[in-house]
Amino acid sequence: MNRIARLVQICFLFGLLTGASQPAAAEPLTIRMSWVITPGELAPILFAHPGLARHEGISYHVEPIHFSGGPLSIPAIAKGEIDIGGLGYATIAAAIQGAGIDDLSVIGDVQQDGVPGWYSIEYMVLKDGPIHEIADLLGKTLGVNAVGSMVDLGQRQMLRQRSIDDRKDLTIIEVASPNMKASLAAHKVDMVGVVAAIGADPELRAIARPLFRATDALGITQVSALVARASFLKEHRAAVVDLLEDTIRITRWYLDPANHDEAVKIVADFNKQPVARAAWAFTGQDQYRSPDVEPNIDALQRNLDVLWKLGFLKARIDIGKHTDLSLVHEAAARIR
């Protein structure tokens, strides 16, 4: 055997030996994310457009887990069965104060209401009906998706600003969002509070008009935010920062008007609906998303204070004690 062949053989054997001694690459961390509705929450369509997520499948893998309502995810978060949740501010309050999840931390933005140029929840009445101003709601029946929801709190705050007792001077009932148009048309309710997906319905627009909007009563609202337990963040910080970095890049892609046609098709295909029914998504007819995935903590504090003043909380919550934006700031700094 000549010297060159012998050298090649030695290098080959050395490579086998040293390679065998190297530890196997760590498996990506599975991050279980709760979600309720899309496109309000991007969790189940985060990776629909390829090439945006640079860390998915390497440092982390996302497992979206669906819940029919945000509050239903609270026990799963408490038991460690959900790692990151997209929760409305009322649900955040319930998790902290009701379920006693003291180490819950707000780490990112999902959606905000009332930001200028973007959609705000509308409270709609019949165009040909008897209600022309807020005072006309006295003695009437109002339909809301859930008592204590953001939609409900917006109307209660407006009523109280006009010295109308939301518990004595009228009736508030729960109506499933898909049934609001029919309930209003049939005069079963006199006003409905609708989110962007329902408000975009042209048939509803044909018979109803907005009496006021949530922003008129609440200003800017942190509709929902990404939350996680501090213990999870401490143990898996690097993977969560990678996820947030990818989420920022993906959110910016969805918000870019140049990508609107594809983005809407992704939403429509996921929800099994015609593309035209999803055309409002990621436009001014939709609620605001931070391109840096950074929540408005000042707004969130005001929202929680409204909950407290309306009697839905037993004590005021200082959300600053339940906020950690260092991860999303680190993620955003990587891609600026």
C-alpha atoms as a PDB file:
ATOM      1  CA  MET A   1       0.000   0.000   0.000  1.00  0.00           C
ATOM      2  CA  ASN A   2       1.539   3.336  -1.020  1.00  0.00           C
ATOM      3  CA  ARG A   3       1.872   6.199   1.401  1.00  0.00           C
ATOM      4  CA  ILE A   4      -1.069   8.211  -0.062  1.00  0.00           C
ATOM      5  CA  ALA A   5      -3.503   5.304   0.128  1.00  0.00           C
ATOM      6  CA  ARG A   6      -2.360   4.572   3.666  1.00  0.00           C
ATOM      7  CA  LEU A   7      -2.913   8.213   4.653  1.00  0.00           C
ATOM      8  CA  VAL A   8      -6.414   8.178   3.191  1.00  0.00           C
ATOM      9  CA  GLN A   9      -7.229   5.010   5.127  1.00  0.00           C
ATOM     10  CA  ILE A  10      -5.976   6.505   8.395  1.00  0.00           C
ATOM     11  CA  CYS A  11      -8.002   9.705   7.863  1.00  0.00           C
ATOM     12  CA  PHE A  12     -11.095   7.632   7.080  1.00  0.00           C
ATOM     13  CA  LEU A  13     -10.728   5.531  10.233  1.00  0.00           C
ATOM     14  CA  PHE A  14     -10.035   8.624  12.323  1.00  0.00           C
ATOM     15  CA  GLY A  15     -13.195  10.233  10.983  1.00  0.00           C
ATOM     16  CA  LEU A  16     -15.274   7.202  11.927  1.00  0.00           C
ATOM     17  CA  LEU A  17     -13.857   7.116  15.428  1.00  0.00           C
ATOM     18  CA  THR A  18     -14.206  10.823  16.159  1.00  0.00           C
ATOM     19  CA  GLY A  19     -17.617  10.967  14.532  1.00  0.00           C
ATOM     20  CA  ALA A  20     -18.858   8.131  16.669  1.00  0.00           C
ATOM     21  CA  SER A  21     -17.717   9.948  19.770  1.00  0.00           C
ATOM     22  CA  GLN A  22     -19.660  13.131  18.969  1.00  0.00           C
ATOM     23  CA  PRO A  23     -23.015  13.508  20.761  1.00  0.00           C
ATOM     24  CA  ALA A  24     -26.085  13.361  18.544  1.00  0.00           C
ATOM     25  CA  ALA A  25     -27.653  16.695  17.648  1.00  0.00           C
ATOM     26  CA  ALA A  26     -30.412  17.702  20.060  1.00  0.00           C
ATOM     27  CA  GLU A  27     -33.942  17.106  18.863  1.00  0.00           C
ATOM     28  CA  PRO A  28     -35.963  20.272  18.211  1.00  0.00           C
ATOM     29  CA  LEU A  29     -38.083  21.346  21.166  1.00  0.00           C
ATOM     30  CA  THR A  30     -41.806  20.775  20.622  1.00  0.00           C
ATOM     31  CA  ILE A  31     -43.627  23.982  21.563  1.00  0.00           C
ATOM     32  CA  ARG A  32     -47.351  23.447  22.070  1.00  0.00           C
ATOM     33  CA  MET A  33     -49.284  26.592  21.107  1.00  0.00           C
ATOM     34  CA  SER A  34     -52.966  27.162  21.788  1.00  0.00           C
ATOM     35  CA  TRP A  35     -55.170  28.982  19.301  1.00  0.00           C
ATOM     36  CA  VAL A  36     -58.872  29.731  18.894  1.00  0.00           C
ATOM     37  CA  ILE A  37     -59.509  31.454  15.560  1.00  0.00           C
ATOM     38  CA  THR A  38     -57.510  32.133  12.397  1.00  0.00           C
ATOM     39  CA  PRO A  39     -56.448  34.547  10.971  1.00  0.00           C
ATOM     40  CA  GLY A  40     -56.860  36.277  14.331  1.00  0.00           C
ATOM     41  CA  GLU A  41     -54.132  33.910  15.501  1.00  0.00           C
ATOM     42  CA  LEU A  42     -51.423  32.761  13.110  1.00  0.00           C
ATOM     43  CA  ALA A  43     -50.304  29.659  15.028  1.00  0.00           C
ATOM     44  CA  PRO A  44     -51.828  27.060  12.663  1.00  0.00           C
ATOM     45  CA  ILE A  45     -50.672  28.892   9.497  1.00  0.00           C
ATOM     46  CA  LEU A  46     -47.268  30.126  10.670  1.00  0.00           C
ATOM     47  CA  PHE A  47     -45.370  27.888   8.273  1.00  0.00           C
ATOM     48  CA  ALA A  48     -47.775  27.857   5.329  1.00  0.00           C
ATOM     49  CA  HIS A  49     -45.403  29.922   3.185  1.00  0.00           C
ATOM     50  CA  PRO A  50     -42.050  28.107   2.947  1.00  0.00           C
ATOM     51  CA  GLY A  51     -38.683  29.657   3.602  1.00  0.00           C
ATOM     52  CA  LEU A  52     -39.641  32.210   6.255  1.00  0.00           C
ATOM     53  CA  ALA A  53     -39.015  30.163   9.390  1.00  0.00           C
ATOM     54  CA  ARG A  54     -35.256  29.698   9.684  1.00  0.00           C
ATOM     55  CA  HIS A  55     -35.269  27.824  12.982  1.00  0.00           C
ATOM     56  CA  GLU A  56     -38.394  25.641  12.703  1.00  0.00           C
ATOM     57  CA  GLY A  57     -37.411  21.985  12.681  1.00  0.00           C
ATOM     58  CA  ILE A  58     -33.923  22.845  13.952  1.00  0.00           C
ATOM     59  CA  SER A  59     -34.276  24.347  17.427  1.00  0.00           C
ATOM     60  CA  TYR A  60     -38.040  24.013  17.788  1.00  0.00           C
ATOM     61  CA  HIS A  61     -41.170  22.505  16.304  1.00  0.00           C
ATOM     62  CA  VAL A  62     -44.644  23.975  16.823  1.00  0.00           C
ATOM     63  CA  GLU A  63     -47.664  21.840  17.671  1.00  0.00           C
ATOM     64  CA  PRO A  64     -50.797  24.011  17.324  1.00  0.00           C
ATOM     65  CA  ILE A  65     -53.586  22.917  19.673  1.00  0.00           C
ATOM     66  CA  HIS A  66     -57.084  24.253  19.068  1.00  0.00           C
ATOM     67  CA  PHE A  67     -59.543  25.378  21.747  1.00  0.00           C
ATOM     68  CA  SER A  68     -63.072  26.609  21.081  1.00  0.00           C
ATOM     69  CA  GLY A  69     -62.498  29.513  23.480  1.00  0.00           C
ATOM     70  CA  GLY A  70     -59.473  31.105  25.125  1.00  0.00           C
ATOM     71  CA  PRO A  71     -60.598  30.402  28.717  1.00  0.00           C
ATOM     72  CA  LEU A  72     -60.719  26.676  27.923  1.00  0.00           C
ATOM     73  CA  SER A  73     -56.947  26.669  27.508  1.00  0.00           C
ATOM     74  CA  ILE A  74     -56.302  27.901  31.068  1.00  0.00           C
ATOM     75  CA  PRO A  75     -56.345  24.422  32.705  1.00  0.00           C
ATOM     76  CA  ALA A  76     -53.971  23.163  30.006  1.00  0.00           C
ATOM     77  CA  ILE A  77     -51.549  26.012  30.698  1.00  0.00           C
ATOM     78  CA  ALA A  78     -51.814  25.376  34.432  1.00  0.00           C
ATOM     79  CA  LYS A  79     -50.981  21.684  33.941  1.00  0.00           C
ATOM     80  CA  GLY A  80     -48.092  22.370  31.566  1.00  0.00           C
ATOM     81  CA  GLU A  81     -49.948  20.897  28.599  1.00  0.00           C
ATOM     82  CA  ILE A  82     -49.686  24.190  26.661  1.00  0.00           C
ATOM     83  CA  ASP A  83     -46.380  26.051  26.440  1.00  0.00           C
ATOM     84  CA  ILE A  84     -47.405  29.280  24.688  1.00  0.00           C
ATOM     85  CA  GLY A  85     -50.953  30.592  24.411  1.00  0.00           C
ATOM     86  CA  GLY A  86     -52.620  33.370  22.469  1.00  0.00           C
ATOM     87  CA  LEU A  87     -54.943  34.742  25.162  1.00  0.00           C
ATOM     88  CA  GLY A  88     -57.355  37.651  25.266  1.00  0.00           C
ATOM     89  CA  TYR A  89     -56.795  40.138  28.059  1.00  0.00           C
ATOM     90  CA  ALA A  90     -59.807  38.909  30.031  1.00  0.00           C
ATOM     91  CA  THR A  91     -58.435  35.368  29.779  1.00  0.00           C
ATOM     92  CA  ILE A  92     -55.010  36.562  30.912  1.00  0.00           C
ATOM     93  CA  ALA A  93     -56.689  38.081  33.970  1.00  0.00           C
ATOM     94  CA  ALA A  94     -58.608  34.861  34.630  1.00  0.00           C
ATOM     95  CA  ALA A  95     -55.427  32.801  34.358  1.00  0.00           C
ATOM     96  CA  ILE A  96     -53.512  35.015  36.785  1.00  0.00           C
ATOM     97  CA  GLN A  97     -56.227  35.802  39.302  1.00  0.00           C
ATOM     98  CA  GLY A  98     -58.752  33.017  38.873  1.00  0.00           C
ATOM     99  CA  ALA A  99     -56.484  30.043  38.177  1.00  0.00           C
ATOM    100  CA  GLY A 100     -53.580  31.343  40.243  1.00  0.00           C
ATOM    101  CA  ILE A 101     -50.942  31.019  37.505  1.00  0.00           C
ATOM    102  CA  ASP A 102     -48.662  33.530  39.202  1.00  0.00           C
ATOM    103  CA  ASP A 103     -45.720  33.067  36.850  1.00  0.00           C
ATOM    104  CA  LEU A 104     -47.661  33.788  33.646  1.00  0.00           C
ATOM    105  CA  SER A 105     -45.723  36.203  31.430  1.00  0.00           C
ATOM    106  CA  VAL A 106     -46.836  38.258  28.432  1.00  0.00           C
ATOM    107  CA  ILE A 107     -44.135  37.792  25.783  1.00  0.00           C
ATOM    108  CA  GLY A 108     -45.603  38.950  22.465  1.00  0.00           C
ATOM    109  CA  ASP A 109     -48.426  40.492  20.470  1.00  0.00           C
ATOM    110  CA  VAL A 110     -51.291  38.735  18.736  1.00  0.00           C
ATOM    111  CA  GLN A 111     -53.745  41.526  17.837  1.00  0.00           C
ATOM    112  CA  GLN A 112     -54.725  45.021  18.890  1.00  0.00           C
ATOM    113  CA  ASP A 113     -58.001  46.913  18.437  1.00  0.00           C
ATOM    114  CA  GLY A 114     -58.532  50.604  17.853  1.00  0.00           C
ATOM    115  CA  VAL A 115     -55.155  51.380  16.286  1.00  0.00           C
ATOM    116  CA  PRO A 116     -55.742  54.206  13.768  1.00  0.00           C
ATOM    117  CA  GLY A 117     -56.174  52.883  10.246  1.00  0.00           C
ATOM    118  CA  TRP A 118     -57.213  49.416  11.403  1.00  0.00           C
ATOM    119  CA  TYR A 119     -60.472  47.706  12.326  1.00  0.00           C
ATOM    120  CA  SER A 120     -62.193  48.208  15.650  1.00  0.00           C
ATOM    121  CA  ILE A 121     -65.017  46.017  16.953  1.00  0.00           C
ATOM    122  CA  GLU A 122     -68.353  47.403  15.805  1.00  0.00           C
ATOM    123  CA  TYR A 123     -71.664  47.538  17.662  1.00  0.00           C
ATOM    124  CA  MET A 124     -74.274  47.303  14.939  1.00  0.00           C
ATOM    125  CA  VAL A 125     -77.987  48.104  14.819  1.00  0.00           C
ATOM    126  CA  LEU A 126     -80.556  47.768  12.046  1.00  0.00           C
ATOM    127  CA  LYS A 127     -80.476  50.551   9.476  1.00  0.00           C
ATOM    128  CA  ASP A 128     -84.253  50.844   9.518  1.00  0.00           C
ATOM    129  CA  GLY A 129     -84.574  50.289  13.276  1.00  0.00           C
ATOM    130  CA  PRO A 130     -85.467  52.698  16.097  1.00  0.00           C
ATOM    131  CA  ILE A 131     -81.955  53.030  17.541  1.00  0.00           C
ATOM    132  CA  HIS A 132     -80.136  56.171  16.446  1.00  0.00           C
ATOM    133  CA  GLU A 133     -78.033  57.009  19.496  1.00  0.00           C
ATOM    134  CA  ILE A 134     -76.712  55.216  22.552  1.00  0.00           C
ATOM    135  CA  ALA A 135     -79.509  56.529  24.771  1.00  0.00           C
ATOM    136  CA  ASP A 136     -81.961  54.572  22.594  1.00  0.00           C
ATOM    137  CA  LEU A 137     -80.499  51.326  23.967  1.00  0.00           C
ATOM    138  CA  LEU A 138     -82.386  51.768  27.243  1.00  0.00           C
ATOM    139  CA  GLY A 139     -84.662  48.758  27.767  1.00  0.00           C
ATOM    140  CA  LYS A 140     -83.262  46.957  24.730  1.00  0.00           C
ATOM    141  CA  THR A 141     -81.553  43.559  24.332  1.00  0.00           C
ATOM    142  CA  LEU A 142     -77.914  43.435  23.280  1.00  0.00           C
ATOM    143  CA  GLY A 143     -76.205  40.388  21.785  1.00  0.00           C
ATOM    144  CA  VAL A 144     -72.607  39.576  22.656  1.00  0.00           C
ATOM    145  CA  ASN A 145     -70.411  36.584  21.836  1.00  0.00           C
ATOM    146  CA  ALA A 146     -69.582  35.939  25.506  1.00  0.00           C
ATOM    147  CA  VAL A 147     -70.229  37.812  28.742  1.00  0.00           C
ATOM    148  CA  GLY A 148     -66.926  39.228  29.955  1.00  0.00           C
ATOM    149  CA  SER A 149     -65.322  39.106  26.504  1.00  0.00           C
ATOM    150  CA  MET A 150     -63.658  42.137  24.971  1.00  0.00           C
ATOM    151  CA  VAL A 151     -66.756  42.698  22.832  1.00  0.00           C
ATOM    152  CA  ASP A 152     -68.890  42.732  25.966  1.00  0.00           C
ATOM    153  CA  LEU A 153     -66.556  44.985  27.935  1.00  0.00           C
ATOM    154  CA  GLY A 154     -66.437  47.576  25.174  1.00  0.00           C
ATOM    155  CA  GLN A 155     -70.188  48.020  25.172  1.00  0.00           C
ATOM    156  CA  ARG A 156     -70.440  48.028  28.973  1.00  0.00           C
ATOM    157  CA  GLN A 157     -67.777  50.713  29.193  1.00  0.00           C
ATOM    158  CA  MET A 158     -69.625  52.853  26.638  1.00  0.00           C
ATOM    159  CA  LEU A 159     -72.924  52.403  28.477  1.00  0.00           C
ATOM    160  CA  ARG A 160     -71.416  53.428  31.788  1.00  0.00           C
ATOM    161  CA  GLN A 161     -69.816  56.474  30.196  1.00  0.00           C
ATOM    162  CA  ARG A 162     -73.364  57.486  29.244  1.00  0.00           C
ATOM    163  CA  SER A 163     -74.694  56.744  32.755  1.00  0.00           C
ATOM    164  CA  ILE A 164     -76.592  53.654  31.600  1.00  0.00           C
ATOM    165  CA  ASP A 165     -76.479  50.757  34.066  1.00  0.00           C
ATOM    166  CA  ASP A 166     -75.450  47.712  32.051  1.00  0.00           C
ATOM    167  CA  ARG A 167     -77.022  45.396  34.644  1.00  0.00           C
ATOM    168  CA  LYS A 168     -80.350  47.133  35.244  1.00  0.00           C
ATOM    169  CA  ASP A 169     -81.240  49.411  32.325  1.00  0.00           C
ATOM    170  CA  LEU A 170     -81.081  46.791  29.548  1.00  0.00           C
ATOM    171  CA  THR A 171     -80.481  43.103  28.870  1.00  0.00           C
ATOM    172  CA  ILE A 172     -77.279  41.515  27.569  1.00  0.00           C
ATOM    173  CA  ILE A 173     -77.467  37.975  26.202  1.00  0.00           C
ATOM    174  CA  GLU A 174     -74.933  35.649  24.593  1.00  0.00           C
ATOM    175  CA  VAL A 175     -75.276  34.985  20.867  1.00  0.00           C
ATOM    176  CA  ALA A 176     -72.801  32.888  18.900  1.00  0.00           C
ATOM    177  CA  SER A 177     -70.969  35.075  16.407  1.00  0.00           C
ATOM    178  CA  PRO A 178     -72.225  33.175  13.311  1.00  0.00           C
ATOM    179  CA  ASN A 179     -75.821  33.733  14.503  1.00  0.00           C
ATOM    180  CA  MET A 180     -75.600  37.468  15.125  1.00  0.00           C
ATOM    181  CA  LYS A 181     -76.793  38.564  11.686  1.00  0.00           C
ATOM    182  CA  ALA A 182     -79.878  36.328  11.855  1.00  0.00           C
ATOM    183  CA  SER A 183     -80.643  37.343  15.454  1.00  0.00           C
ATOM    184  CA  LEU A 184     -80.480  41.027  14.564  1.00  0.00           C
ATOM    185  CA  ALA A 185     -82.569  40.597  11.413  1.00  0.00           C
ATOM    186  CA  ALA A 186     -85.211  38.653  13.368  1.00  0.00           C
ATOM    187  CA  HIS A 187     -85.347  41.363  16.084  1.00  0.00           C
ATOM    188  CA  LYS A 188     -84.276  38.880  18.728  1.00  0.00           C
ATOM    189  CA  VAL A 189     -81.633  41.416  19.722  1.00  0.00           C
ATOM    190  CA  ASP A 190     -81.428  45.148  19.091  1.00  0.00           C
ATOM    191  CA  MET A 191     -77.650  45.446  18.794  1.00  0.00           C
ATOM    192  CA  VAL A 192     -74.771  43.053  18.154  1.00  0.00           C
ATOM    193  CA  GLY A 193     -71.056  43.457  18.768  1.00  0.00           C
ATOM    194  CA  VAL A 194     -69.082  42.024  15.864  1.00  0.00           C
ATOM    195  CA  VAL A 195     -65.422  41.225  15.247  1.00  0.00           C
ATOM    196  CA  ALA A 196     -63.735  41.761  11.877  1.00  0.00           C
ATOM    197  CA  ALA A 197     -64.643  38.388  10.357  1.00  0.00           C
ATOM    198  CA  ILE A 198     -68.364  38.911  11.076  1.00  0.00           C
ATOM    199  CA  GLY A 199     -68.340  42.622  10.253  1.00  0.00           C
ATOM    200  CA  ALA A 200     -66.956  41.873   6.782  1.00  0.00           C
ATOM    201  CA  ASP A 201     -70.160  40.013   5.831  1.00  0.00           C
ATOM    202  CA  PRO A 202     -71.821  42.051   3.031  1.00  0.00           C
ATOM    203  CA  GLU A 203     -75.254  40.699   3.974  1.00  0.00           C
ATOM    204  CA  LEU A 204     -74.851  42.115   7.480  1.00  0.00           C
ATOM    205  CA  ARG A 205     -73.667  45.426   6.041  1.00  0.00           C
ATOM    206  CA  ALA A 206     -76.767  45.537   3.859  1.00  0.00           C
ATOM    207  CA  ILE A 207     -79.131  45.572   6.843  1.00  0.00           C
ATOM    208  CA  ALA A 208     -77.080  47.069   9.659  1.00  0.00           C
ATOM    209  CA  ARG A 209     -74.808  50.001  10.508  1.00  0.00           C
ATOM    210  CA  PRO A 210     -72.370  50.645  13.368  1.00  0.00           C
ATOM    211  CA  LEU A 211     -73.722  52.685  16.274  1.00  0.00           C
ATOM    212  CA  PHE A 212     -70.250  52.958  17.817  1.00  0.00           C
ATOM    213  CA  ARG A 213     -66.927  51.112  17.947  1.00  0.00           C
ATOM    214  CA  ALA A 214     -64.890  49.622  20.756  1.00  0.00           C
ATOM    215  CA  THR A 215     -62.210  52.253  20.322  1.00  0.00           C
ATOM    216  CA  ASP A 216     -64.787  54.942  21.178  1.00  0.00           C
ATOM    217  CA  ALA A 217     -65.076  53.444  24.652  1.00  0.00           C
ATOM    218  CA  LEU A 218     -61.725  51.774  25.264  1.00  0.00           C
ATOM    219  CA  GLY A 219     -59.193  53.473  23.012  1.00  0.00           C
ATOM    220  CA  ILE A 220     -56.467  51.079  21.864  1.00  0.00           C
ATOM    221  CA  THR A 221     -56.959  47.580  23.235  1.00  0.00           C
ATOM    222  CA  GLN A 222     -54.493  44.729  23.452  1.00  0.00           C
ATOM    223  CA  VAL A 223     -57.035  42.204  22.197  1.00  0.00           C
ATOM    224  CA  SER A 224     -54.829  39.190  22.763  1.00  0.00           C
ATOM    225  CA  ALA A 225     -51.196  38.452  23.514  1.00  0.00           C
ATOM    226  CA  LEU A 226     -48.749  35.579  23.529  1.00  0.00           C
ATOM    227  CA  VAL A 227     -48.160  34.264  27.038  1.00  0.00           C
ATOM    228  CA  ALA A 228     -46.002  31.573  28.611  1.00  0.00           C
ATOM    229  CA  ARG A 229     -45.028  30.495  32.096  1.00  0.00           C
ATOM    230  CA  ALA A 230     -41.769  31.938  33.418  1.00  0.00           C
ATOM    231  CA  SER A 231     -40.508  28.451  34.277  1.00  0.00           C
ATOM    232  CA  PHE A 232     -40.881  27.353  30.642  1.00  0.00           C
ATOM    233  CA  LEU A 233     -39.157  30.506  29.383  1.00  0.00           C
ATOM    234  CA  LYS A 234     -36.237  30.039  31.753  1.00  0.00           C
ATOM    235  CA  GLU A 235     -35.668  26.452  30.656  1.00  0.00           C
ATOM    236  CA  HIS A 236     -36.186  26.976  26.918  1.00  0.00           C
ATOM    237  CA  ARG A 237     -35.320  30.627  26.315  1.00  0.00           C
ATOM    238  CA  ALA A 238     -33.140  30.043  23.229  1.00  0.00           C
ATOM    239  CA  ALA A 239     -35.821  28.050  21.394  1.00  0.00           C
ATOM    240  CA  VAL A 240     -38.532  30.584  22.263  1.00  0.00           C
ATOM    241  CA  VAL A 241     -36.387  33.464  20.969  1.00  0.00           C
ATOM    242  CA  ASP A 242     -35.891  31.481  17.739  1.00  0.00           C
ATOM    243  CA  LEU A 243     -39.662  31.002  17.460  1.00  0.00           C
ATOM    244  CA  LEU A 244     -40.301  34.706  18.059  1.00  0.00           C
ATOM    245  CA  GLU A 245     -37.694  35.651  15.461  1.00  0.00           C
ATOM    246  CA  ASP A 246     -39.435  33.441  12.911  1.00  0.00           C
ATOM    247  CA  THR A 247     -42.835  34.780  13.996  1.00  0.00           C
ATOM    248  CA  ILE A 248     -41.713  38.358  13.390  1.00  0.00           C
ATOM    249  CA  ARG A 249     -40.479  37.477   9.905  1.00  0.00           C
ATOM    250  CA  ILE A 250     -43.707  35.569   9.153  1.00  0.00           C
ATOM    251  CA  THR A 251     -45.970  38.328  10.517  1.00  0.00           C
ATOM    252  CA  ARG A 252     -44.234  40.900   8.343  1.00  0.00           C
ATOM    253  CA  TRP A 253     -44.729  38.644   5.341  1.00  0.00           C
ATOM    254  CA  TYR A 254     -48.470  38.338   6.003  1.00  0.00           C
ATOM    255  CA  LEU A 255     -48.776  42.102   6.452  1.00  0.00           C
ATOM    256  CA  ASP A 256     -46.934  42.972   3.230  1.00  0.00           C
ATOM    257  CA  PRO A 257     -49.522  44.047   0.607  1.00  0.00           C
ATOM    258  CA  ALA A 258     -47.348  42.403  -2.052  1.00  0.00           C
ATOM    259  CA  ASN A 259     -48.177  39.035  -0.499  1.00  0.00           C
ATOM    260  CA  HIS A 260     -51.872  39.696   0.097  1.00  0.00           C
ATOM    261  CA  ASP A 261     -53.287  37.370  -2.558  1.00  0.00           C
ATOM    262  CA  GLU A 262     -51.271  34.390  -1.321  1.00  0.00           C
ATOM    263  CA  ALA A 263     -51.873  35.278   2.328  1.00  0.00           C
ATOM    264  CA  VAL A 264     -55.639  35.422   1.805  1.00  0.00           C
ATOM    265  CA  LYS A 265     -55.608  32.129  -0.079  1.00  0.00           C
ATOM    266  CA  ILE A 266     -53.761  30.511   2.837  1.00  0.00           C
ATOM    267  CA  VAL A 267     -56.455  31.765   5.234  1.00  0.00           C
ATOM    268  CA  ALA A 268     -59.310  30.754   2.931  1.00  0.00           C
ATOM    269  CA  ASP A 269     -57.902  27.269   2.328  1.00  0.00           C
ATOM    270  CA  PHE A 270     -57.320  26.736   6.035  1.00  0.00           C
ATOM    271  CA  ASN A 271     -60.861  27.838   6.939  1.00  0.00           C
ATOM    272  CA  LYS A 272     -62.372  26.018   3.918  1.00  0.00           C
ATOM    273  CA  GLN A 273     -64.103  29.148   2.638  1.00  0.00           C
ATOM    274  CA  PRO A 274     -64.119  31.124  -0.622  1.00  0.00           C
ATOM    275  CA  VAL A 275     -61.144  33.438  -1.074  1.00  0.00           C
ATOM    276  CA  ALA A 276     -63.466  36.445  -1.352  1.00  0.00           C
ATOM    277  CA  ARG A 277     -64.711  35.837   2.198  1.00  0.00           C
ATOM    278  CA  ALA A 278     -61.169  36.241   3.541  1.00  0.00           C
ATOM    279  CA  ALA A 279     -60.153  39.293   1.492  1.00  0.00           C
ATOM    280  CA  TRP A 280     -60.410  41.567   4.552  1.00  0.00           C
ATOM    281  CA  ALA A 281     -57.587  39.765   6.354  1.00  0.00           C
ATOM    282  CA  PHE A 282     -54.302  41.667   6.830  1.00  0.00           C
ATOM    283  CA  THR A 283     -55.850  44.913   5.549  1.00  0.00           C
ATOM    284  CA  GLY A 284     -57.303  47.957   7.315  1.00  0.00           C
ATOM    285  CA  GLN A 285     -60.510  45.923   7.703  1.00  0.00           C
ATOM    286  CA  ASP A 286     -58.578  43.629  10.048  1.00  0.00           C
ATOM    287  CA  GLN A 287     -57.284  44.356  13.535  1.00  0.00           C
ATOM    288  CA  TYR A 288     -53.729  45.560  13.943  1.00  0.00           C
ATOM    289  CA  ARG A 289     -50.730  43.255  14.392  1.00  0.00           C
ATOM    290  CA  SER A 290     -47.366  44.583  15.477  1.00  0.00           C
ATOM    291  CA  PRO A 291     -44.752  43.870  12.781  1.00  0.00           C
ATOM    292  CA  ASP A 292     -42.294  43.406  15.655  1.00  0.00           C
ATOM    293  CA  VAL A 293     -44.750  41.152  17.556  1.00  0.00           C
ATOM    294  CA  GLU A 294     -44.500  43.605  20.465  1.00  0.00           C
ATOM    295  CA  PRO A 295     -47.635  44.020  22.609  1.00  0.00           C
ATOM    296  CA  ASN A 296     -48.919  47.367  23.837  1.00  0.00           C
ATOM    297  CA  ILE A 297     -48.434  46.885  27.570  1.00  0.00           C
ATOM    298  CA  ASP A 298     -49.841  50.320  28.463  1.00  0.00           C
ATOM    299  CA  ALA A 299     -53.050  49.455  26.621  1.00  0.00           C
ATOM    300  CA  LEU A 300     -53.154  46.031  28.258  1.00  0.00           C
ATOM    301  CA  GLN A 301     -52.908  47.636  31.694  1.00  0.00           C
ATOM    302  CA  ARG A 302     -55.784  49.998  30.854  1.00  0.00           C
ATOM    303  CA  ASN A 303     -57.846  47.059  29.613  1.00  0.00           C
ATOM    304  CA  LEU A 304     -57.287  45.130  32.833  1.00  0.00           C
ATOM    305  CA  ASP A 305     -58.157  48.224  34.855  1.00  0.00           C
ATOM    306  CA  VAL A 306     -61.497  48.425  33.016  1.00  0.00           C
ATOM    307  CA  LEU A 307     -62.164  44.798  33.949  1.00  0.00           C
ATOM    308  CA  TRP A 308     -61.456  45.653  37.577  1.00  0.00           C
ATOM    309  CA  LYS A 309     -63.612  48.794  37.589  1.00  0.00           C
ATOM    310  CA  LEU A 310     -66.507  46.935  35.952  1.00  0.00           C
ATOM    311  CA  GLY A 311     -66.409  44.379  38.742  1.00  0.00           C
ATOM    312  CA  PHE A 312     -65.022  41.399  36.817  1.00  0.00           C
ATOM    313  CA  LEU A 313     -61.835  41.255  38.926  1.00  0.00           C
ATOM    314  CA  LYS A 314     -61.559  41.072  42.696  1.00  0.00           C
ATOM    315  CA  ALA A 315     -58.364  43.135  42.703  1.00  0.00           C
ATOM    316  CA  ARG A 316     -56.295  45.217  40.301  1.00  0.00           C
ATOM    317  CA  ILE A 317     -53.634  43.334  38.344  1.00  0.00           C
ATOM    318  CA  ASP A 318     -50.265  44.982  37.761  1.00  0.00           C
ATOM    319  CA  ILE A 319     -49.429  43.497  34.361  1.00  0.00           C
ATOM    320  CA  GLY A 320     -45.864  44.787  34.586  1.00  0.00           C
ATOM    321  CA  LYS A 321     -45.197  41.973  37.058  1.00  0.00           C
ATOM    322  CA  HIS A 322     -46.370  39.503  34.413  1.00  0.00           C
ATOM    323  CA  THR A 323     -44.477  40.830  31.390  1.00  0.00           C
ATOM    324  CA  ASP A 324     -41.180  39.765  29.826  1.00  0.00           C
ATOM    325  CA  LEU A 325     -40.466  41.491  26.522  1.00  0.00           C
ATOM    326  CA  SER A 326     -36.751  40.728  26.589  1.00  0.00           C
ATOM    327  CA  LEU A 327     -37.231  37.675  24.362  1.00  0.00           C
ATOM    328  CA  VAL A 328     -39.152  39.442  21.611  1.00  0.00           C
ATOM    329  CA  HIS A 329     -36.725  42.381  21.755  1.00  0.00           C
ATOM    330  CA  GLU A 330     -33.800  39.969  21.312  1.00  0.00           C
ATOM    331  CA  ALA A 331     -35.612  38.307  18.423  1.00  0.00           C
ATOM    332  CA  ALA A 332     -36.406  41.598  16.686  1.00  0.00           C
ATOM    333  CA  ALA A 333     -32.821  42.833  17.053  1.00  0.00           C
ATOM    334  CA  ARG A 334     -31.605  39.873  14.991  1.00  0.00           C
ATOM    335  CA  ILE A 335     -33.541  40.838  11.873  1.00  0.00           C
ATOM    336  CA  ARG A 336     -33.469  44.624  11.837  1.00  0.00           C
END
